[in-house]
Amino acid sequence: MKISNLTLVTNEKTWHTSEVD
């Protein structure tokens, strides 16, 4: 799930962990 959103950028460390998982 690759989404480019300002919200995701702010929570990059949060959603990024889910991406790697």
PDB file of N, CA and C in Angstrom:
ATOM      1  N   MET A   1       0.838  -1.195   0.000  1.00  0.00           N
ATOM      2  CA  MET A   1       0.000   0.000   0.000  1.00  0.00           C
ATOM      3  C   MET A   1       0.874   1.247   0.000  1.00  0.00           C
ATOM      4  N   LYS A   2       1.057   1.802  -1.185  1.00  0.00           N
ATOM      5  CA  LYS A   2       1.913   2.996  -1.299  1.00  0.00           C
ATOM      6  C   LYS A   2       1.051   4.215  -1.573  1.00  0.00           C
ATOM      7  N   ILE A   3       0.893   5.056  -0.569  1.00  0.00           N
ATOM      8  CA  ILE A   3       0.079   6.259  -0.727  1.00  0.00           C
ATOM      9  C   ILE A   3       0.906   7.499  -0.389  1.00  0.00           C
ATOM     10  N   SER A   4       0.820   8.494  -1.240  1.00  0.00           N
ATOM     11  CA  SER A   4       1.575   9.733  -1.000  1.00  0.00           C
ATOM     12  C   SER A   4       0.636  10.794  -0.445  1.00  0.00           C
ATOM     13  N   ASN A   5       0.583  10.892   0.864  1.00  0.00           N
ATOM     14  CA  ASN A   5      -0.301  11.870   1.502  1.00  0.00           C
ATOM     15  C   ASN A   5       0.456  12.609   2.586  1.00  0.00           C
ATOM     16  N   LEU A   6       0.116  13.868   2.786  1.00  0.00           N
ATOM     17  CA  LEU A   6       0.775  14.650   3.833  1.00  0.00           C
ATOM     18  C   LEU A   6       0.565  13.997   5.188  1.00  0.00           C
ATOM     19  N   THR A   7      -0.591  13.378   5.353  1.00  0.00           N
ATOM     20  CA  THR A   7      -0.887  12.717   6.629  1.00  0.00           C
ATOM     21  C   THR A   7       0.059  11.551   6.848  1.00  0.00           C
ATOM     22  N   LEU A   8       0.289  10.791   5.793  1.00  0.00           N
ATOM     23  CA  LEU A   8       1.178   9.642   5.910  1.00  0.00           C
ATOM     24  C   LEU A   8       2.601  10.099   6.162  1.00  0.00           C
ATOM     25  N   VAL A   9       2.977  11.185   5.539  1.00  0.00           N
ATOM     26  CA  VAL A   9       4.322  11.715   5.729  1.00  0.00           C
ATOM     27  C   VAL A   9       4.543  12.054   7.199  1.00  0.00           C
ATOM     28  N   THR A  10       3.515  12.587   7.819  1.00  0.00           N
ATOM     29  CA  THR A  10       3.622  12.941   9.235  1.00  0.00           C
ATOM     30  C   THR A  10       3.737  11.685  10.085  1.00  0.00           C
ATOM     31  N   ASN A  11       2.994  10.664   9.710  1.00  0.00           N
ATOM     32  CA  ASN A  11       3.023   9.409  10.462  1.00  0.00           C
ATOM     33  C   ASN A  11       3.815   8.362   9.686  1.00  0.00           C
ATOM     34  N   GLU A  12       4.876   8.822   9.041  1.00  0.00           N
ATOM     35  CA  GLU A  12       5.692   7.921   8.227  1.00  0.00           C
ATOM     36  C   GLU A  12       6.208   6.763   9.070  1.00  0.00           C
ATOM     37  N   LYS A  13       6.660   7.072  10.279  1.00  0.00           N
ATOM     38  CA  LYS A  13       7.213   6.033  11.147  1.00  0.00           C
ATOM     39  C   LYS A  13       6.131   5.048  11.583  1.00  0.00           C
ATOM     40  N   THR A  14       4.891   5.500  11.529  1.00  0.00           N
ATOM     41  CA  THR A  14       3.795   4.630  11.962  1.00  0.00           C
ATOM     42  C   THR A  14       3.332   3.731  10.820  1.00  0.00           C
ATOM     43  N   TRP A  15       3.028   4.335   9.678  1.00  0.00           N
ATOM     44  CA  TRP A  15       2.515   3.543   8.559  1.00  0.00           C
ATOM     45  C   TRP A  15       3.648   2.784   7.876  1.00  0.00           C
ATOM     46  N   HIS A  16       4.854   3.316   7.986  1.00  0.00           N
ATOM     47  CA  HIS A  16       5.999   2.662   7.374  1.00  0.00           C
ATOM     48  C   HIS A  16       6.246   1.300   8.017  1.00  0.00           C
ATOM     49  N   THR A  17       6.031   1.232   9.315  1.00  0.00           N
ATOM     50  CA  THR A  17       6.230  -0.027  10.030  1.00  0.00           C
ATOM     51  C   THR A  17       5.254  -1.078   9.512  1.00  0.00           C
ATOM     52  N   SER A  18       4.037  -0.649   9.212  1.00  0.00           N
ATOM     53  CA  SER A  18       3.031  -1.575   8.712  1.00  0.00           C
ATOM     54  C   SER A  18       3.400  -2.023   7.296  1.00  0.00           C
ATOM     55  N   GLU A  19       3.995  -1.125   6.544  1.00  0.00           N
ATOM     56  CA  GLU A  19       4.392  -1.446   5.177  1.00  0.00           C
ATOM     57  C   GLU A  19       5.456  -2.527   5.169  1.00  0.00           C
ATOM     58  N   VAL A  20       6.430  -2.380   6.037  1.00  0.00           N
ATOM     59  CA  VAL A  20       7.518  -3.351   6.102  1.00  0.00           C
ATOM     60  C   VAL A  20       6.980  -4.691   6.606  1.00  0.00           C
ATOM     61  N   ASP A  21       6.027  -4.611   7.506  1.00  0.00           N
ATOM     62  CA  ASP A  21       5.440  -5.820   8.061  1.00  0.00           C
ATOM     63  C   ASP A  21       4.669  -6.531   6.966  1.00  0.00           C
TER      64      ASP A  21
END
